[in-house]
Amino acid sequence: MEEKRESLRTRVLKTGSISFGGAAISCVVRNISALGALLEVQSPLGIPERFILVVPSDQLSRPCHHLEV
């Protein structure tokens, strides 16, 4: 399968959180690049379209938007 992303993603396995409106949902970051990330969650219910991805081990806090696949 040909990779069509603008920016290559790096495989990782890091804990993170999806933060919004004073709440947070735990997630696992499976891959990440300057333009996107693959997040794994128990359930996508309740995740808003726009949120902040927080990855404490990388001191990362990045605004994101949810894309349904």
PDB file of N, CA and C in Angstrom:
ATOM      1  N   MET A   1       0.832  -1.177   0.000  1.00  0.00           N
ATOM      2  CA  MET A   1       0.000   0.000   0.000  1.00  0.00           C
ATOM      3  C   MET A   1       0.879   1.243   0.000  1.00  0.00           C
ATOM      4  N   GLU A   2       0.597   2.170  -0.855  1.00  0.00           N
ATOM      5  CA  GLU A   2       1.393   3.388  -0.985  1.00  0.00           C
ATOM      6  C   GLU A   2       0.996   4.419   0.057  1.00  0.00           C
ATOM      7  N   GLU A   3       1.982   4.998   0.715  1.00  0.00           N
ATOM      8  CA  GLU A   3       1.764   6.038   1.721  1.00  0.00           C
ATOM      9  C   GLU A   3       1.499   7.358   1.018  1.00  0.00           C
ATOM     10  N   LYS A   4       0.363   7.997   1.328  1.00  0.00           N
ATOM     11  CA  LYS A   4      -0.012   9.238   0.660  1.00  0.00           C
ATOM     12  C   LYS A   4      -0.049  10.430   1.611  1.00  0.00           C
ATOM     13  N   ARG A   5       0.448  10.288   2.797  1.00  0.00           N
ATOM     14  CA  ARG A   5       0.451  11.391   3.757  1.00  0.00           C
ATOM     15  C   ARG A   5       1.490  12.420   3.360  1.00  0.00           C
ATOM     16  N   GLU A   6       1.213  13.681   3.716  1.00  0.00           N
ATOM     17  CA  GLU A   6       2.167  14.755   3.432  1.00  0.00           C
ATOM     18  C   GLU A   6       3.410  14.653   4.299  1.00  0.00           C
ATOM     19  N   SER A   7       3.238  14.114   5.509  1.00  0.00           N
ATOM     20  CA  SER A   7       4.331  14.023   6.461  1.00  0.00           C
ATOM     21  C   SER A   7       4.377  12.595   7.007  1.00  0.00           C
ATOM     22  N   LEU A   8       5.531  11.940   6.920  1.00  0.00           N
ATOM     23  CA  LEU A   8       5.658  10.572   7.415  1.00  0.00           C
ATOM     24  C   LEU A   8       5.477  10.529   8.925  1.00  0.00           C
ATOM     25  N   ARG A   9       4.753   9.540   9.362  1.00  0.00           N
ATOM     26  CA  ARG A   9       4.520   9.379  10.794  1.00  0.00           C
ATOM     27  C   ARG A   9       5.516   8.415  11.389  1.00  0.00           C
ATOM     28  N   THR A  10       5.893   8.688  12.633  1.00  0.00           N
ATOM     29  CA  THR A  10       6.822   7.850  13.371  1.00  0.00           C
ATOM     30  C   THR A  10       6.028   6.971  14.326  1.00  0.00           C
ATOM     31  N   ARG A  11       6.295   5.666  14.300  1.00  0.00           N
ATOM     32  CA  ARG A  11       5.629   4.767  15.241  1.00  0.00           C
ATOM     33  C   ARG A  11       6.105   5.056  16.648  1.00  0.00           C
ATOM     34  N   VAL A  12       5.166   5.143  17.572  1.00  0.00           N
ATOM     35  CA  VAL A  12       5.470   5.342  18.986  1.00  0.00           C
ATOM     36  C   VAL A  12       4.470   4.527  19.801  1.00  0.00           C
ATOM     37  N   LEU A  13       4.692   4.439  21.065  1.00  0.00           N
ATOM     38  CA  LEU A  13       3.760   3.830  22.001  1.00  0.00           C
ATOM     39  C   LEU A  13       3.868   4.643  23.284  1.00  0.00           C
ATOM     40  N   LYS A  14       3.037   5.691  23.356  1.00  0.00           N
ATOM     41  CA  LYS A  14       3.114   6.632  24.477  1.00  0.00           C
ATOM     42  C   LYS A  14       1.729   6.889  25.037  1.00  0.00           C
ATOM     43  N   THR A  15       1.686   7.127  26.338  1.00  0.00           N
ATOM     44  CA  THR A  15       0.412   7.498  26.943  1.00  0.00           C
ATOM     45  C   THR A  15       0.186   8.986  26.743  1.00  0.00           C
ATOM     46  N   GLY A  16      -1.067   9.327  26.564  1.00  0.00           N
ATOM     47  CA  GLY A  16      -1.431  10.720  26.379  1.00  0.00           C
ATOM     48  C   GLY A  16      -2.836  10.952  26.879  1.00  0.00           C
ATOM     49  N   SER A  17      -3.326  12.163  26.650  1.00  0.00           N
ATOM     50  CA  SER A  17      -4.707  12.457  26.999  1.00  0.00           C
ATOM     51  C   SER A  17      -5.293  13.432  25.993  1.00  0.00           C
ATOM     52  N   ILE A  18      -6.590  13.277  25.805  1.00  0.00           N
ATOM     53  CA  ILE A  18      -7.379  14.153  24.951  1.00  0.00           C
ATOM     54  C   ILE A  18      -8.065  15.105  25.910  1.00  0.00           C
ATOM     55  N   SER A  19      -7.650  16.351  25.894  1.00  0.00           N
ATOM     56  CA  SER A  19      -8.107  17.332  26.868  1.00  0.00           C
ATOM     57  C   SER A  19      -9.070  18.319  26.219  1.00  0.00           C
ATOM     58  N   PHE A  20     -10.180  18.606  26.920  1.00  0.00           N
ATOM     59  CA  PHE A  20     -11.174  19.546  26.403  1.00  0.00           C
ATOM     60  C   PHE A  20     -12.077  20.007  27.544  1.00  0.00           C
ATOM     61  N   GLY A  21     -12.368  21.286  27.575  1.00  0.00           N
ATOM     62  CA  GLY A  21     -13.322  21.836  28.529  1.00  0.00           C
ATOM     63  C   GLY A  21     -13.130  21.422  29.970  1.00  0.00           C
ATOM     64  N   GLY A  22     -11.904  21.268  30.423  1.00  0.00           N
ATOM     65  CA  GLY A  22     -11.642  20.867  31.803  1.00  0.00           C
ATOM     66  C   GLY A  22     -11.693  19.359  32.029  1.00  0.00           C
ATOM     67  N   ALA A  23     -12.032  18.589  30.995  1.00  0.00           N
ATOM     68  CA  ALA A  23     -12.075  17.131  31.100  1.00  0.00           C
ATOM     69  C   ALA A  23     -10.920  16.531  30.308  1.00  0.00           C
ATOM     70  N   ALA A  24     -10.667  15.248  30.527  1.00  0.00           N
ATOM     71  CA  ALA A  24      -9.611  14.557  29.779  1.00  0.00           C
ATOM     72  C   ALA A  24      -9.974  13.090  29.620  1.00  0.00           C
ATOM     73  N   ILE A  25      -9.618  12.539  28.468  1.00  0.00           N
ATOM     74  CA  ILE A  25      -9.811  11.126  28.176  1.00  0.00           C
ATOM     75  C   ILE A  25      -8.434  10.534  27.888  1.00  0.00           C
ATOM     76  N   SER A  26      -8.092   9.458  28.572  1.00  0.00           N
ATOM     77  CA  SER A  26      -6.795   8.798  28.358  1.00  0.00           C
ATOM     78  C   SER A  26      -6.741   8.188  26.968  1.00  0.00           C
ATOM     79  N   CYS A  27      -5.545   8.198  26.392  1.00  0.00           N
ATOM     80  CA  CYS A  27      -5.350   7.594  25.079  1.00  0.00           C
ATOM     81  C   CYS A  27      -3.937   7.041  24.976  1.00  0.00           C
ATOM     82  N   VAL A  28      -3.731   6.242  23.948  1.00  0.00           N
ATOM     83  CA  VAL A  28      -2.401   5.744  23.602  1.00  0.00           C
ATOM     84  C   VAL A  28      -2.078   6.322  22.236  1.00  0.00           C
ATOM     85  N   VAL A  29      -0.914   6.940  22.114  1.00  0.00           N
ATOM     86  CA  VAL A  29      -0.454   7.491  20.835  1.00  0.00           C
ATOM     87  C   VAL A  29       0.312   6.382  20.124  1.00  0.00           C
ATOM     88  N   ARG A  30      -0.189   5.980  18.956  1.00  0.00           N
ATOM     89  CA  ARG A  30       0.414   4.881  18.194  1.00  0.00           C
ATOM     90  C   ARG A  30       1.405   5.369  17.146  1.00  0.00           C
ATOM     91  N   ASN A  31       1.107   6.522  16.536  1.00  0.00           N
ATOM     92  CA  ASN A  31       2.065   7.151  15.628  1.00  0.00           C
ATOM     93  C   ASN A  31       1.799   8.634  15.608  1.00  0.00           C
ATOM     94  N   ILE A  32       2.816   9.407  15.199  1.00  0.00           N
ATOM     95  CA  ILE A  32       2.695  10.857  15.260  1.00  0.00           C
ATOM     96  C   ILE A  32       3.612  11.494  14.225  1.00  0.00           C
ATOM     97  N   SER A  33       3.185  12.640  13.714  1.00  0.00           N
ATOM     98  CA  SER A  33       4.006  13.448  12.812  1.00  0.00           C
ATOM     99  C   SER A  33       3.682  14.911  13.095  1.00  0.00           C
ATOM    100  N   ALA A  34       4.279  15.794  12.330  1.00  0.00           N
ATOM    101  CA  ALA A  34       3.995  17.216  12.484  1.00  0.00           C
ATOM    102  C   ALA A  34       2.552  17.543  12.099  1.00  0.00           C
ATOM    103  N   LEU A  35       1.929  16.668  11.299  1.00  0.00           N
ATOM    104  CA  LEU A  35       0.587  16.967  10.790  1.00  0.00           C
ATOM    105  C   LEU A  35      -0.515  16.060  11.325  1.00  0.00           C
ATOM    106  N   GLY A  36      -0.181  15.067  12.134  1.00  0.00           N
ATOM    107  CA  GLY A  36      -1.233  14.191  12.626  1.00  0.00           C
ATOM    108  C   GLY A  36      -0.731  13.130  13.573  1.00  0.00           C
ATOM    109  N   ALA A  37      -1.690  12.375  14.091  1.00  0.00           N
ATOM    110  CA  ALA A  37      -1.359  11.293  15.016  1.00  0.00           C
ATOM    111  C   ALA A  37      -2.473  10.249  14.971  1.00  0.00           C
ATOM    112  N   LEU A  38      -2.124   9.025  15.315  1.00  0.00           N
ATOM    113  CA  LEU A  38      -3.104   7.961  15.461  1.00  0.00           C
ATOM    114  C   LEU A  38      -3.240   7.706  16.954  1.00  0.00           C
ATOM    115  N   LEU A  39      -4.454   7.921  17.464  1.00  0.00           N
ATOM    116  CA  LEU A  39      -4.720   7.745  18.886  1.00  0.00           C
ATOM    117  C   LEU A  39      -5.627   6.548  19.088  1.00  0.00           C
ATOM    118  N   GLU A  40      -5.373   5.801  20.147  1.00  0.00           N
ATOM    119  CA  GLU A  40      -6.215   4.663  20.509  1.00  0.00           C
ATOM    120  C   GLU A  40      -6.919   5.001  21.820  1.00  0.00           C
ATOM    121  N   VAL A  41      -8.249   4.849  21.835  1.00  0.00           N
ATOM    122  CA  VAL A  41      -9.039   5.119  23.035  1.00  0.00           C
ATOM    123  C   VAL A  41      -9.963   3.939  23.303  1.00  0.00           C
ATOM    124  N   GLN A  42     -10.443   3.840  24.546  1.00  0.00           N
ATOM    125  CA  GLN A  42     -11.404   2.790  24.887  1.00  0.00           C
ATOM    126  C   GLN A  42     -12.674   2.939  24.067  1.00  0.00           C
ATOM    127  N   SER A  43     -13.157   4.191  23.959  1.00  0.00           N
ATOM    128  CA  SER A  43     -14.373   4.487  23.202  1.00  0.00           C
ATOM    129  C   SER A  43     -14.277   5.910  22.670  1.00  0.00           C
ATOM    130  N   PRO A  44     -14.647   6.131  21.424  1.00  0.00           N
ATOM    131  CA  PRO A  44     -14.599   7.487  20.874  1.00  0.00           C
ATOM    132  C   PRO A  44     -15.782   8.360  21.314  1.00  0.00           C
ATOM    133  N   LEU A  45     -16.735   7.776  22.026  1.00  0.00           N
ATOM    134  CA  LEU A  45     -17.888   8.545  22.485  1.00  0.00           C
ATOM    135  C   LEU A  45     -17.455   9.674  23.412  1.00  0.00           C
ATOM    136  N   GLY A  46     -17.966  10.848  23.162  1.00  0.00           N
ATOM    137  CA  GLY A  46     -17.669  11.992  24.018  1.00  0.00           C
ATOM    138  C   GLY A  46     -16.459  12.795  23.602  1.00  0.00           C
ATOM    139  N   ILE A  47     -15.715  12.327  22.608  1.00  0.00           N
ATOM    140  CA  ILE A  47     -14.554  13.097  22.149  1.00  0.00           C
ATOM    141  C   ILE A  47     -15.059  14.185  21.202  1.00  0.00           C
ATOM    142  N   PRO A  48     -14.791  15.443  21.529  1.00  0.00           N
ATOM    143  CA  PRO A  48     -15.273  16.533  20.677  1.00  0.00           C
ATOM    144  C   PRO A  48     -14.460  16.641  19.384  1.00  0.00           C
ATOM    145  N   GLU A  49     -14.966  17.418  18.450  1.00  0.00           N
ATOM    146  CA  GLU A  49     -14.268  17.596  17.178  1.00  0.00           C
ATOM    147  C   GLU A  49     -12.912  18.257  17.370  1.00  0.00           C
ATOM    148  N   ARG A  50     -12.822  19.201  18.283  1.00  0.00           N
ATOM    149  CA  ARG A  50     -11.560  19.905  18.555  1.00  0.00           C
ATOM    150  C   ARG A  50     -11.153  19.674  20.004  1.00  0.00           C
ATOM    151  N   PHE A  51      -9.855  19.403  20.204  1.00  0.00           N
ATOM    152  CA  PHE A  51      -9.341  19.108  21.536  1.00  0.00           C
ATOM    153  C   PHE A  51      -7.843  19.387  21.569  1.00  0.00           C
ATOM    154  N   ILE A  52      -7.252  19.217  22.743  1.00  0.00           N
ATOM    155  CA  ILE A  52      -5.800  19.356  22.925  1.00  0.00           C
ATOM    156  C   ILE A  52      -5.234  17.966  23.201  1.00  0.00           C
ATOM    157  N   LEU A  53      -4.248  17.560  22.409  1.00  0.00           N
ATOM    158  CA  LEU A  53      -3.536  16.310  22.666  1.00  0.00           C
ATOM    159  C   LEU A  53      -2.379  16.622  23.595  1.00  0.00           C
ATOM    160  N   VAL A  54      -2.325  15.925  24.715  1.00  0.00           N
ATOM    161  CA  VAL A  54      -1.257  16.124  25.697  1.00  0.00           C
ATOM    162  C   VAL A  54      -0.472  14.829  25.820  1.00  0.00           C
ATOM    163  N   VAL A  55       0.850  14.917  25.606  1.00  0.00           N
ATOM    164  CA  VAL A  55       1.755  13.766  25.769  1.00  0.00           C
ATOM    165  C   VAL A  55       2.829  14.206  26.761  1.00  0.00           C
ATOM    166  N   PRO A  56       2.628  13.906  28.051  1.00  0.00           N
ATOM    167  CA  PRO A  56       3.543  14.388  29.084  1.00  0.00           C
ATOM    168  C   PRO A  56       4.999  13.979  28.879  1.00  0.00           C
ATOM    169  N   SER A  57       5.256  12.763  28.394  1.00  0.00           N
ATOM    170  CA  SER A  57       6.642  12.304  28.239  1.00  0.00           C
ATOM    171  C   SER A  57       7.417  13.140  27.227  1.00  0.00           C
ATOM    172  N   ASP A  58       6.716  13.774  26.292  1.00  0.00           N
ATOM    173  CA  ASP A  58       7.357  14.633  25.290  1.00  0.00           C
ATOM    174  C   ASP A  58       7.143  16.114  25.574  1.00  0.00           C
ATOM    175  N   GLN A  59       6.509  16.420  26.708  1.00  0.00           N
ATOM    176  CA  GLN A  59       6.151  17.795  27.038  1.00  0.00           C
ATOM    177  C   GLN A  59       5.402  18.434  25.865  1.00  0.00           C
ATOM    178  N   LEU A  60       4.477  17.661  25.281  1.00  0.00           N
ATOM    179  CA  LEU A  60       3.727  18.072  24.100  1.00  0.00           C
ATOM    180  C   LEU A  60       2.300  18.433  24.486  1.00  0.00           C
ATOM    181  N   SER A  61       1.839  19.540  23.967  1.00  0.00           N
ATOM    182  CA  SER A  61       0.455  19.963  24.106  1.00  0.00           C
ATOM    183  C   SER A  61       0.094  20.614  22.766  1.00  0.00           C
ATOM    184  N   ARG A  62      -0.731  19.937  21.976  1.00  0.00           N
ATOM    185  CA  ARG A  62      -0.984  20.378  20.607  1.00  0.00           C
ATOM    186  C   ARG A  62      -2.488  20.400  20.315  1.00  0.00           C
ATOM    187  N   PRO A  63      -2.984  21.521  19.763  1.00  0.00           N
ATOM    188  CA  PRO A  63      -4.392  21.553  19.353  1.00  0.00           C
ATOM    189  C   PRO A  63      -4.629  20.577  18.214  1.00  0.00           C
ATOM    190  N   CYS A  64      -5.763  19.883  18.243  1.00  0.00           N
ATOM    191  CA  CYS A  64      -6.075  18.862  17.236  1.00  0.00           C
ATOM    192  C   CYS A  64      -7.540  18.932  16.858  1.00  0.00           C
ATOM    193  N   HIS A  65      -7.870  18.260  15.776  1.00  0.00           N
ATOM    194  CA  HIS A  65      -9.272  18.044  15.441  1.00  0.00           C
ATOM    195  C   HIS A  65      -9.455  16.581  15.068  1.00  0.00           C
ATOM    196  N   HIS A  66     -10.625  16.105  15.380  1.00  0.00           N
ATOM    197  CA  HIS A  66     -10.959  14.687  15.228  1.00  0.00           C
ATOM    198  C   HIS A  66     -11.423  14.417  13.797  1.00  0.00           C
ATOM    199  N   LEU A  67     -10.822  13.440  13.165  1.00  0.00           N
ATOM    200  CA  LEU A  67     -11.264  12.990  11.843  1.00  0.00           C
ATOM    201  C   LEU A  67     -11.839  11.603  11.982  1.00  0.00           C
ATOM    202  N   GLU A  68     -13.029  11.402  11.477  1.00  0.00           N
ATOM    203  CA  GLU A  68     -13.611  10.064  11.514  1.00  0.00           C
ATOM    204  C   GLU A  68     -13.131   9.288  10.311  1.00  0.00           C
ATOM    205  N   VAL A  69     -12.778   8.031  10.539  1.00  0.00           N
ATOM    206  CA  VAL A  69     -12.305   7.188   9.440  1.00  0.00           C
ATOM    207  C   VAL A  69     -13.219   6.019   9.221  1.00  0.00           C
TER     208      VAL A  69
END
